N, C-alpha and C. Protein backbone atom coordinates (compact mmCIF):
# COMPACT_ATOMS: atom_id res chain seq x y z
N MET A 1 -76.29 -47.37 -18.22
CA MET A 1 -75.92 -46.20 -18.98
C MET A 1 -76.37 -46.36 -20.43
N LEU A 2 -76.70 -45.25 -21.02
CA LEU A 2 -77.08 -45.24 -22.42
C LEU A 2 -75.86 -45.49 -23.28
N SER A 3 -76.00 -46.36 -24.25
CA SER A 3 -74.90 -46.63 -25.16
C SER A 3 -74.87 -45.54 -26.24
N ALA A 4 -73.74 -45.47 -26.92
CA ALA A 4 -73.61 -44.50 -28.01
C ALA A 4 -74.64 -44.80 -29.10
N ALA A 5 -74.91 -46.08 -29.34
CA ALA A 5 -75.89 -46.46 -30.36
C ALA A 5 -77.30 -46.02 -29.95
N GLU A 6 -77.62 -46.14 -28.66
CA GLU A 6 -78.94 -45.70 -28.19
C GLU A 6 -79.10 -44.20 -28.37
N ILE A 7 -78.07 -43.47 -28.02
CA ILE A 7 -78.12 -42.01 -28.15
C ILE A 7 -78.28 -41.63 -29.61
N ALA A 8 -77.52 -42.29 -30.49
CA ALA A 8 -77.59 -41.98 -31.91
C ALA A 8 -78.96 -42.33 -32.50
N SER A 9 -79.61 -43.34 -31.93
CA SER A 9 -80.91 -43.76 -32.46
C SER A 9 -82.07 -42.89 -31.99
N CYS A 10 -81.84 -42.06 -30.99
CA CYS A 10 -82.93 -41.21 -30.48
C CYS A 10 -83.26 -40.13 -31.52
N GLN A 11 -84.51 -40.08 -31.88
CA GLN A 11 -85.00 -39.08 -32.83
C GLN A 11 -86.12 -38.30 -32.17
N PRO A 12 -85.76 -37.26 -31.40
CA PRO A 12 -86.77 -36.53 -30.61
C PRO A 12 -87.95 -36.03 -31.42
N TRP A 13 -87.72 -35.64 -32.68
CA TRP A 13 -88.80 -35.07 -33.49
C TRP A 13 -89.81 -36.14 -33.89
N ALA A 14 -89.40 -37.41 -33.84
CA ALA A 14 -90.29 -38.50 -34.22
C ALA A 14 -91.03 -39.11 -33.02
N LEU A 15 -90.70 -38.65 -31.83
CA LEU A 15 -91.29 -39.21 -30.62
C LEU A 15 -92.54 -38.44 -30.20
N ASP A 16 -93.45 -39.15 -29.57
CA ASP A 16 -94.61 -38.47 -28.99
C ASP A 16 -94.22 -37.95 -27.61
N PHE A 17 -95.16 -37.32 -26.94
CA PHE A 17 -94.88 -36.73 -25.63
C PHE A 17 -94.32 -37.77 -24.66
N GLY A 18 -94.95 -38.94 -24.60
CA GLY A 18 -94.50 -39.99 -23.69
C GLY A 18 -93.10 -40.48 -24.01
N GLY A 19 -92.80 -40.61 -25.28
CA GLY A 19 -91.47 -41.05 -25.69
C GLY A 19 -90.39 -40.05 -25.31
N ARG A 20 -90.70 -38.78 -25.52
CA ARG A 20 -89.73 -37.74 -25.14
C ARG A 20 -89.56 -37.71 -23.63
N ALA A 21 -90.65 -37.88 -22.90
CA ALA A 21 -90.57 -37.87 -21.43
C ALA A 21 -89.72 -39.04 -20.93
N ALA A 22 -89.89 -40.21 -21.53
CA ALA A 22 -89.10 -41.38 -21.13
C ALA A 22 -87.61 -41.14 -21.39
N TRP A 23 -87.31 -40.58 -22.54
CA TRP A 23 -85.91 -40.27 -22.85
C TRP A 23 -85.35 -39.23 -21.88
N ARG A 24 -86.16 -38.23 -21.57
CA ARG A 24 -85.71 -37.18 -20.66
C ARG A 24 -85.34 -37.77 -19.30
N VAL A 25 -86.16 -38.67 -18.80
CA VAL A 25 -85.89 -39.31 -17.50
C VAL A 25 -84.58 -40.09 -17.55
N ARG A 26 -84.38 -40.85 -18.63
CA ARG A 26 -83.15 -41.64 -18.76
C ARG A 26 -81.91 -40.73 -18.81
N ILE A 27 -82.03 -39.64 -19.55
CA ILE A 27 -80.89 -38.72 -19.68
C ILE A 27 -80.58 -38.04 -18.36
N VAL A 28 -81.60 -37.56 -17.67
CA VAL A 28 -81.37 -36.89 -16.40
C VAL A 28 -80.78 -37.85 -15.38
N ALA A 29 -81.25 -39.09 -15.36
CA ALA A 29 -80.68 -40.09 -14.44
C ALA A 29 -79.21 -40.32 -14.75
N GLU A 30 -78.88 -40.38 -16.02
CA GLU A 30 -77.48 -40.58 -16.38
C GLU A 30 -76.63 -39.34 -16.05
N LEU A 31 -77.20 -38.16 -16.23
CA LEU A 31 -76.46 -36.94 -15.86
C LEU A 31 -76.17 -36.91 -14.36
N VAL A 32 -77.11 -37.36 -13.55
CA VAL A 32 -76.89 -37.42 -12.10
C VAL A 32 -75.74 -38.37 -11.80
N GLU A 33 -75.73 -39.52 -12.46
CA GLU A 33 -74.65 -40.49 -12.26
C GLU A 33 -73.31 -39.91 -12.71
N ILE A 34 -73.30 -39.23 -13.85
CA ILE A 34 -72.06 -38.63 -14.34
C ILE A 34 -71.55 -37.57 -13.37
N ASN A 35 -72.45 -36.76 -12.83
CA ASN A 35 -72.03 -35.75 -11.86
C ASN A 35 -71.42 -36.39 -10.62
N SER A 36 -71.98 -37.50 -10.17
CA SER A 36 -71.43 -38.23 -9.03
C SER A 36 -70.03 -38.76 -9.36
N LEU A 37 -69.90 -39.38 -10.51
CA LEU A 37 -68.59 -39.89 -10.93
C LEU A 37 -67.58 -38.75 -11.10
N HIS A 38 -68.05 -37.62 -11.56
CA HIS A 38 -67.17 -36.47 -11.75
C HIS A 38 -66.63 -35.98 -10.40
N LEU A 39 -67.50 -35.91 -9.41
CA LEU A 39 -67.04 -35.48 -8.08
C LEU A 39 -66.00 -36.45 -7.51
N ARG A 40 -66.24 -37.74 -7.68
CA ARG A 40 -65.24 -38.72 -7.21
C ARG A 40 -63.94 -38.59 -8.00
N GLY A 41 -64.06 -38.33 -9.30
CA GLY A 41 -62.87 -38.15 -10.12
C GLY A 41 -62.08 -36.91 -9.72
N GLU A 42 -62.78 -35.84 -9.37
CA GLU A 42 -62.09 -34.64 -8.90
C GLU A 42 -61.31 -34.93 -7.62
N THR A 43 -61.89 -35.73 -6.74
CA THR A 43 -61.20 -36.10 -5.51
C THR A 43 -59.96 -36.92 -5.81
N ARG A 44 -60.10 -37.88 -6.74
CA ARG A 44 -58.95 -38.69 -7.14
C ARG A 44 -57.85 -37.83 -7.74
N ARG A 45 -58.24 -36.92 -8.61
CA ARG A 45 -57.25 -36.05 -9.25
C ARG A 45 -56.55 -35.17 -8.22
N ALA A 46 -57.32 -34.61 -7.30
CA ALA A 46 -56.72 -33.75 -6.26
C ALA A 46 -55.75 -34.56 -5.40
N GLY A 47 -56.13 -35.78 -5.04
CA GLY A 47 -55.24 -36.62 -4.24
C GLY A 47 -53.95 -36.93 -4.97
N ALA A 48 -54.05 -37.25 -6.25
CA ALA A 48 -52.86 -37.54 -7.05
C ALA A 48 -51.98 -36.31 -7.17
N ASP A 49 -52.60 -35.16 -7.35
CA ASP A 49 -51.84 -33.91 -7.46
C ASP A 49 -51.10 -33.60 -6.16
N ILE A 50 -51.76 -33.79 -5.04
CA ILE A 50 -51.14 -33.54 -3.73
C ILE A 50 -49.97 -34.49 -3.51
N GLN A 51 -50.17 -35.77 -3.83
CA GLN A 51 -49.08 -36.74 -3.66
C GLN A 51 -47.90 -36.41 -4.57
N LEU A 52 -48.18 -36.03 -5.80
CA LEU A 52 -47.10 -35.69 -6.74
C LEU A 52 -46.34 -34.47 -6.25
N GLN A 53 -47.06 -33.44 -5.84
CA GLN A 53 -46.38 -32.24 -5.34
C GLN A 53 -45.53 -32.55 -4.11
N GLY A 54 -46.05 -33.39 -3.24
CA GLY A 54 -45.28 -33.79 -2.06
C GLY A 54 -44.01 -34.52 -2.43
N ALA A 55 -44.11 -35.42 -3.42
CA ALA A 55 -42.93 -36.16 -3.86
C ALA A 55 -41.90 -35.24 -4.51
N LEU A 56 -42.38 -34.26 -5.28
CA LEU A 56 -41.46 -33.35 -5.96
C LEU A 56 -40.80 -32.36 -5.01
N GLU A 57 -41.50 -32.03 -3.93
CA GLU A 57 -40.98 -31.05 -2.99
C GLU A 57 -40.29 -31.68 -1.78
N ALA A 58 -40.12 -32.98 -1.79
CA ALA A 58 -39.49 -33.67 -0.66
C ALA A 58 -38.09 -33.12 -0.45
N GLU A 59 -37.80 -32.78 0.79
CA GLU A 59 -36.50 -32.16 1.10
C GLU A 59 -35.37 -33.17 1.15
N ASP A 60 -35.70 -34.45 1.26
CA ASP A 60 -34.62 -35.44 1.36
C ASP A 60 -33.96 -35.71 0.02
N SER A 61 -34.50 -35.15 -1.04
CA SER A 61 -33.97 -35.26 -2.41
C SER A 61 -33.67 -36.69 -2.83
N ILE A 62 -34.29 -37.63 -2.17
CA ILE A 62 -34.15 -39.03 -2.56
C ILE A 62 -35.46 -39.46 -3.21
N THR A 63 -36.00 -38.60 -4.05
CA THR A 63 -37.26 -38.90 -4.70
C THR A 63 -37.01 -39.93 -5.79
N ASP A 64 -37.70 -41.03 -5.67
CA ASP A 64 -37.58 -42.12 -6.62
C ASP A 64 -38.32 -41.72 -7.90
N GLU A 65 -37.62 -41.69 -9.02
CA GLU A 65 -38.21 -41.29 -10.29
C GLU A 65 -39.33 -42.24 -10.72
N THR A 66 -39.24 -43.50 -10.32
CA THR A 66 -40.29 -44.45 -10.65
C THR A 66 -41.59 -44.07 -9.96
N ILE A 67 -41.48 -43.64 -8.70
CA ILE A 67 -42.66 -43.21 -7.95
C ILE A 67 -43.24 -41.94 -8.57
N VAL A 68 -42.39 -41.00 -8.93
CA VAL A 68 -42.86 -39.75 -9.54
C VAL A 68 -43.54 -40.05 -10.87
N ALA A 69 -42.96 -40.92 -11.67
CA ALA A 69 -43.56 -41.28 -12.95
C ALA A 69 -44.91 -41.95 -12.73
N GLY A 70 -45.00 -42.80 -11.74
CA GLY A 70 -46.27 -43.45 -11.43
C GLY A 70 -47.33 -42.46 -10.99
N LEU A 71 -46.93 -41.49 -10.17
CA LEU A 71 -47.86 -40.46 -9.72
C LEU A 71 -48.32 -39.59 -10.89
N ARG A 72 -47.39 -39.26 -11.78
CA ARG A 72 -47.76 -38.47 -12.96
C ARG A 72 -48.73 -39.24 -13.85
N ALA A 73 -48.48 -40.53 -14.01
CA ALA A 73 -49.37 -41.36 -14.83
C ALA A 73 -50.76 -41.44 -14.19
N PHE A 74 -50.81 -41.59 -12.86
CA PHE A 74 -52.09 -41.66 -12.16
C PHE A 74 -52.84 -40.33 -12.30
N LEU A 75 -52.12 -39.22 -12.18
CA LEU A 75 -52.73 -37.90 -12.34
C LEU A 75 -53.27 -37.73 -13.76
N GLN A 76 -52.50 -38.14 -14.75
CA GLN A 76 -52.95 -38.03 -16.14
C GLN A 76 -54.18 -38.89 -16.39
N LYS A 77 -54.21 -40.09 -15.83
CA LYS A 77 -55.37 -40.98 -15.98
C LYS A 77 -56.60 -40.34 -15.36
N ALA A 78 -56.45 -39.74 -14.18
CA ALA A 78 -57.57 -39.07 -13.52
C ALA A 78 -58.08 -37.92 -14.38
N GLU A 79 -57.17 -37.15 -14.97
CA GLU A 79 -57.58 -36.04 -15.83
C GLU A 79 -58.26 -36.54 -17.12
N ASP A 80 -57.76 -37.63 -17.68
CA ASP A 80 -58.38 -38.20 -18.88
C ASP A 80 -59.78 -38.72 -18.58
N ASP A 81 -59.94 -39.36 -17.42
CA ASP A 81 -61.26 -39.86 -17.02
C ASP A 81 -62.25 -38.71 -16.85
N LEU A 82 -61.79 -37.61 -16.25
CA LEU A 82 -62.66 -36.44 -16.09
C LEU A 82 -63.05 -35.85 -17.44
N ALA A 83 -62.09 -35.78 -18.35
CA ALA A 83 -62.39 -35.24 -19.68
C ALA A 83 -63.42 -36.11 -20.40
N ALA A 84 -63.31 -37.43 -20.25
CA ALA A 84 -64.29 -38.32 -20.89
C ALA A 84 -65.68 -38.13 -20.29
N LEU A 85 -65.75 -37.95 -18.98
CA LEU A 85 -67.03 -37.69 -18.33
C LEU A 85 -67.63 -36.37 -18.80
N GLU A 86 -66.79 -35.36 -18.94
CA GLU A 86 -67.28 -34.06 -19.40
C GLU A 86 -67.78 -34.13 -20.84
N GLN A 87 -67.10 -34.91 -21.67
CA GLN A 87 -67.56 -35.08 -23.06
C GLN A 87 -68.89 -35.81 -23.09
N ARG A 88 -69.02 -36.84 -22.28
CA ARG A 88 -70.28 -37.60 -22.21
C ARG A 88 -71.42 -36.69 -21.72
N ARG A 89 -71.12 -35.87 -20.71
CA ARG A 89 -72.13 -34.94 -20.19
C ARG A 89 -72.56 -33.97 -21.29
N ASP A 90 -71.62 -33.46 -22.05
CA ASP A 90 -71.95 -32.53 -23.14
C ASP A 90 -72.84 -33.19 -24.18
N GLU A 91 -72.54 -34.45 -24.54
CA GLU A 91 -73.37 -35.17 -25.51
C GLU A 91 -74.80 -35.33 -25.00
N LEU A 92 -74.93 -35.68 -23.73
CA LEU A 92 -76.26 -35.86 -23.16
C LEU A 92 -77.02 -34.54 -23.07
N LEU A 93 -76.32 -33.46 -22.75
CA LEU A 93 -76.98 -32.16 -22.67
C LEU A 93 -77.48 -31.71 -24.04
N VAL A 94 -76.73 -32.01 -25.10
CA VAL A 94 -77.17 -31.68 -26.45
C VAL A 94 -78.45 -32.45 -26.77
N LEU A 95 -78.47 -33.74 -26.43
CA LEU A 95 -79.66 -34.54 -26.69
C LEU A 95 -80.85 -34.04 -25.85
N LEU A 96 -80.59 -33.67 -24.62
CA LEU A 96 -81.66 -33.13 -23.77
C LEU A 96 -82.20 -31.82 -24.35
N ASP A 97 -81.30 -30.97 -24.83
CA ASP A 97 -81.74 -29.72 -25.47
C ASP A 97 -82.60 -30.00 -26.70
N THR A 98 -82.21 -31.01 -27.48
CA THR A 98 -82.98 -31.37 -28.67
C THR A 98 -84.36 -31.89 -28.28
N LEU A 99 -84.42 -32.70 -27.23
CA LEU A 99 -85.72 -33.18 -26.74
C LEU A 99 -86.59 -32.01 -26.29
N ASN A 100 -86.00 -31.07 -25.57
CA ASN A 100 -86.75 -29.91 -25.09
C ASN A 100 -87.23 -29.04 -26.25
N ALA A 101 -86.39 -28.90 -27.27
CA ALA A 101 -86.78 -28.10 -28.44
C ALA A 101 -87.95 -28.77 -29.17
N ALA A 102 -87.90 -30.10 -29.30
CA ALA A 102 -88.99 -30.82 -29.95
C ALA A 102 -90.28 -30.66 -29.15
N GLU A 103 -90.15 -30.66 -27.86
CA GLU A 103 -91.34 -30.49 -27.00
C GLU A 103 -91.89 -29.08 -27.12
N ALA A 104 -91.01 -28.09 -27.14
CA ALA A 104 -91.45 -26.69 -27.18
C ALA A 104 -92.17 -26.36 -28.49
N THR A 105 -91.74 -27.01 -29.57
CA THR A 105 -92.36 -26.71 -30.85
C THR A 105 -93.50 -27.66 -31.19
N GLY A 106 -93.77 -28.58 -30.28
CA GLY A 106 -94.85 -29.53 -30.50
C GLY A 106 -94.52 -30.58 -31.53
N GLY A 107 -93.23 -30.84 -31.69
CA GLY A 107 -92.80 -31.84 -32.66
C GLY A 107 -93.27 -33.22 -32.28
N GLY A 108 -93.37 -34.05 -33.25
CA GLY A 108 -93.78 -35.45 -33.00
C GLY A 108 -95.27 -35.62 -33.24
N ARG A 109 -95.74 -36.75 -32.77
CA ARG A 109 -97.13 -37.13 -33.01
C ARG A 109 -98.07 -36.49 -32.03
């Protein structure tokens, strides 16, 4: 995965065609990975939500608060992980747009 420092160091306007193409490939590969992780995260979140709803709606009313708290924490973690992936995706899309803009205007060498 691209580090935050690598992303910050990318200067699309200073790159030649080959440099922009190499960056584009790296970004698209990472976006594919993020989309895969996002789908798995959605599954995790849905599973946690289903388990939590089942625990809250249990008719035996012997719902252990520790279990409910654990399920809520797991659901929150899944939602936080998804939000982080979405933020990362947005950062990469901005960089990809900048690379495309530099290419469209013939920026670089």
